[in-house]
Amino acid sequence: QVQLVESGGGLVPAGGSLRLSCAVSGSLFVSDTMGWYRQVPGKQRELVASTSRSGTTDYADSVKGRFTISRDNAKNTVYLQMNSLRPEDTAVYYCYVRLAAIRSEYWGQGSQVTVSS
């Protein structure tokens, strides 16, 4: 059974930093795309950042230059370093992994990130 366990959320003042981690376990297949979405109550889930197995990255315009996604394939873990946080970054952040071999996606449990003004 594939499980994604997130850690690193919390409360931080504006301008601060947080690092989210998401460890994948129980998978027999290579993790292809890994990434992070976020969701605010009443709004659609928004893609924040993603990274391919080869390391190609993609970011939402709103976080470019402030957030950095990275992955450790040996540990099957994806990270999101968030700097210069703003109140509008407040959301629940979800990690995901796409396993192309079985055409499946799996999601983490969600981590609350709250940025105070």
C-alpha atoms as a PDB file:
ATOM      1  CA  GLN A   1       0.000   0.000   0.000  1.00  0.00           C
ATOM      2  CA  VAL A   2       1.465   3.318  -1.085  1.00  0.00           C
ATOM      3  CA  GLN A   3       1.600   5.949   1.637  1.00  0.00           C
ATOM      4  CA  LEU A   4       2.753   9.542   1.574  1.00  0.00           C
ATOM      5  CA  VAL A   5       3.651  11.104   4.903  1.00  0.00           C
ATOM      6  CA  GLU A   6       4.049  14.851   5.071  1.00  0.00           C
ATOM      7  CA  SER A   7       5.838  16.907   7.691  1.00  0.00           C
ATOM      8  CA  GLY A   8       6.998  20.459   8.250  1.00  0.00           C
ATOM      9  CA  GLY A   9       3.882  22.602   8.216  1.00  0.00           C
ATOM     10  CA  GLY A  10       3.146  25.209  10.850  1.00  0.00           C
ATOM     11  CA  LEU A  11       2.690  28.859  11.725  1.00  0.00           C
ATOM     12  CA  VAL A  12       5.227  31.419  10.570  1.00  0.00           C
ATOM     13  CA  PRO A  13       5.264  35.230  10.347  1.00  0.00           C
ATOM     14  CA  ALA A  14       5.259  36.928   6.978  1.00  0.00           C
ATOM     15  CA  GLY A  15       8.733  36.887   5.467  1.00  0.00           C
ATOM     16  CA  GLY A  16       9.607  33.648   7.208  1.00  0.00           C
ATOM     17  CA  SER A  17      10.462  30.230   5.856  1.00  0.00           C
ATOM     18  CA  LEU A  18       9.203  26.677   6.131  1.00  0.00           C
ATOM     19  CA  ARG A  19      10.281  23.398   4.607  1.00  0.00           C
ATOM     20  CA  LEU A  20       7.771  20.694   3.787  1.00  0.00           C
ATOM     21  CA  SER A  21       8.783  17.076   3.346  1.00  0.00           C
ATOM     22  CA  CYS A  22       6.852  14.172   1.860  1.00  0.00           C
ATOM     23  CA  ALA A  23       8.131  10.625   2.126  1.00  0.00           C
ATOM     24  CA  VAL A  24       6.694   7.884  -0.089  1.00  0.00           C
ATOM     25  CA  SER A  25       6.606   4.322   1.197  1.00  0.00           C
ATOM     26  CA  GLY A  26       5.138   1.015   0.117  1.00  0.00           C
ATOM     27  CA  SER A  27       5.588   1.553  -3.601  1.00  0.00           C
ATOM     28  CA  LEU A  28       7.018  -1.118  -5.861  1.00  0.00           C
ATOM     29  CA  PHE A  29       7.313   1.331  -8.729  1.00  0.00           C
ATOM     30  CA  VAL A  30       9.478   4.288  -9.584  1.00  0.00           C
ATOM     31  CA  SER A  31       8.062   7.654  -8.578  1.00  0.00           C
ATOM     32  CA  ASP A  32       7.668   9.762 -11.671  1.00  0.00           C
ATOM     33  CA  THR A  33       6.273  13.247 -11.187  1.00  0.00           C
ATOM     34  CA  MET A  34       6.207  14.439  -7.576  1.00  0.00           C
ATOM     35  CA  GLY A  35       4.856  17.723  -6.407  1.00  0.00           C
ATOM     36  CA  TRP A  36       2.764  19.921  -4.200  1.00  0.00           C
ATOM     37  CA  TYR A  37      -0.686  21.405  -4.432  1.00  0.00           C
ATOM     38  CA  ARG A  38      -2.367  23.759  -1.996  1.00  0.00           C
ATOM     39  CA  GLN A  39      -5.949  24.490  -1.173  1.00  0.00           C
ATOM     40  CA  VAL A  40      -7.767  27.269   0.607  1.00  0.00           C
ATOM     41  CA  PRO A  41     -11.326  26.615   1.840  1.00  0.00           C
ATOM     42  CA  GLY A  42     -13.829  27.488  -0.870  1.00  0.00           C
ATOM     43  CA  LYS A  43     -11.238  27.508  -3.648  1.00  0.00           C
ATOM     44  CA  GLN A  44      -9.920  24.937  -6.096  1.00  0.00           C
ATOM     45  CA  ARG A  45      -6.749  23.051  -5.365  1.00  0.00           C
ATOM     46  CA  GLU A  46      -3.816  24.890  -6.973  1.00  0.00           C
ATOM     47  CA  LEU A  47      -0.600  23.371  -8.291  1.00  0.00           C
ATOM     48  CA  VAL A  48       2.326  24.938  -6.448  1.00  0.00           C
ATOM     49  CA  ALA A  49       5.314  23.057  -7.842  1.00  0.00           C
ATOM     50  CA  SER A  50       6.247  19.774  -9.467  1.00  0.00           C
ATOM     51  CA  THR A  51       9.395  17.897 -10.373  1.00  0.00           C
ATOM     52  CA  SER A  52      10.020  15.061 -12.785  1.00  0.00           C
ATOM     53  CA  ARG A  53      12.244  12.113 -12.017  1.00  0.00           C
ATOM     54  CA  SER A  54      15.001  13.739 -14.063  1.00  0.00           C
ATOM     55  CA  GLY A  55      14.720  16.925 -12.018  1.00  0.00           C
ATOM     56  CA  THR A  56      12.781  19.183 -14.355  1.00  0.00           C
ATOM     57  CA  THR A  57      10.731  21.588 -12.246  1.00  0.00           C
ATOM     58  CA  ASP A  58       7.641  23.702 -12.732  1.00  0.00           C
ATOM     59  CA  TYR A  59       6.220  26.407 -10.478  1.00  0.00           C
ATOM     60  CA  ALA A  60       3.085  28.450 -10.142  1.00  0.00           C
ATOM     61  CA  ASP A  61       3.780  32.054 -11.061  1.00  0.00           C
ATOM     62  CA  SER A  62       2.803  33.167  -7.571  1.00  0.00           C
ATOM     63  CA  VAL A  63       5.666  31.247  -5.948  1.00  0.00           C
ATOM     64  CA  LYS A  64       8.451  31.561  -8.513  1.00  0.00           C
ATOM     65  CA  GLY A  65      11.613  32.897  -6.949  1.00  0.00           C
ATOM     66  CA  ARG A  66      10.376  32.137  -3.421  1.00  0.00           C
ATOM     67  CA  PHE A  67       9.717  28.392  -3.353  1.00  0.00           C
ATOM     68  CA  THR A  68      12.057  25.598  -4.370  1.00  0.00           C
ATOM     69  CA  ILE A  69      11.031  22.002  -4.980  1.00  0.00           C
ATOM     70  CA  SER A  70      13.557  19.199  -4.777  1.00  0.00           C
ATOM     71  CA  ARG A  71      13.562  15.439  -4.475  1.00  0.00           C
ATOM     72  CA  ASP A  72      15.774  12.682  -3.192  1.00  0.00           C
ATOM     73  CA  ASN A  73      15.102   9.645  -5.361  1.00  0.00           C
ATOM     74  CA  ALA A  74      17.099   7.349  -3.090  1.00  0.00           C
ATOM     75  CA  LYS A  75      14.837   8.288  -0.189  1.00  0.00           C
ATOM     76  CA  ASN A  76      11.725   8.574  -2.375  1.00  0.00           C
ATOM     77  CA  THR A  77      11.076  11.958  -0.784  1.00  0.00           C
ATOM     78  CA  VAL A  78      10.063  15.331  -2.165  1.00  0.00           C
ATOM     79  CA  TYR A  79      10.664  18.672  -0.448  1.00  0.00           C
ATOM     80  CA  LEU A  80       9.275  22.167  -0.740  1.00  0.00           C
ATOM     81  CA  GLN A  81      11.428  24.974   0.607  1.00  0.00           C
ATOM     82  CA  MET A  82       9.255  28.035   1.080  1.00  0.00           C
ATOM     83  CA  ASN A  83      10.943  31.386   1.638  1.00  0.00           C
ATOM     84  CA  SER A  84       9.629  34.938   1.873  1.00  0.00           C
ATOM     85  CA  LEU A  85       6.250  33.581   2.863  1.00  0.00           C
ATOM     86  CA  ARG A  86       3.200  35.798   2.505  1.00  0.00           C
ATOM     87  CA  PRO A  87      -0.207  35.657   4.186  1.00  0.00           C
ATOM     88  CA  GLU A  88      -1.707  34.604   0.851  1.00  0.00           C
ATOM     89  CA  ASP A  89       0.423  31.446   0.982  1.00  0.00           C
ATOM     90  CA  THR A  90      -1.744  30.263   3.867  1.00  0.00           C
ATOM     91  CA  ALA A  91      -3.340  26.980   2.818  1.00  0.00           C
ATOM     92  CA  VAL A  92      -3.315  23.244   3.300  1.00  0.00           C
ATOM     93  CA  TYR A  93      -0.456  21.829   1.256  1.00  0.00           C
ATOM     94  CA  TYR A  94      -0.761  18.354  -0.279  1.00  0.00           C
ATOM     95  CA  CYS A  95       2.044  16.352  -1.798  1.00  0.00           C
ATOM     96  CA  TYR A  96       1.429  13.854  -4.561  1.00  0.00           C
ATOM     97  CA  VAL A  97       3.282  11.260  -6.556  1.00  0.00           C
ATOM     98  CA  ARG A  98       2.461   9.891  -9.967  1.00  0.00           C
ATOM     99  CA  LEU A  99       3.380   6.297 -10.729  1.00  0.00           C
ATOM    100  CA  ALA A 100       3.314   6.127 -14.510  1.00  0.00           C
ATOM    101  CA  ALA A 101       3.827   2.339 -14.617  1.00  0.00           C
ATOM    102  CA  ILE A 102       0.413   1.773 -13.043  1.00  0.00           C
ATOM    103  CA  ARG A 103      -1.168   5.055 -14.118  1.00  0.00           C
ATOM    104  CA  SER A 104      -1.916   6.051 -10.557  1.00  0.00           C
ATOM    105  CA  GLU A 105      -1.567   9.063  -8.300  1.00  0.00           C
ATOM    106  CA  TYR A 106      -1.287   9.111  -4.551  1.00  0.00           C
ATOM    107  CA  TRP A 107      -1.703  11.977  -2.117  1.00  0.00           C
ATOM    108  CA  GLY A 108      -0.406  12.976   1.260  1.00  0.00           C
ATOM    109  CA  GLN A 109      -2.622  13.803   4.216  1.00  0.00           C
ATOM    110  CA  GLY A 110      -2.171  17.553   3.935  1.00  0.00           C
ATOM    111  CA  SER A 111      -0.118  20.001   5.986  1.00  0.00           C
ATOM    112  CA  GLN A 112      -1.462  23.289   7.269  1.00  0.00           C
ATOM    113  CA  VAL A 113       0.746  26.279   6.524  1.00  0.00           C
ATOM    114  CA  THR A 114      -0.336  29.525   8.149  1.00  0.00           C
ATOM    115  CA  VAL A 115       1.468  32.792   7.494  1.00  0.00           C
ATOM    116  CA  SER A 116       0.599  35.614   9.860  1.00  0.00           C
ATOM    117  CA  SER A 117       0.708  39.242   8.775  1.00  0.00           C
END
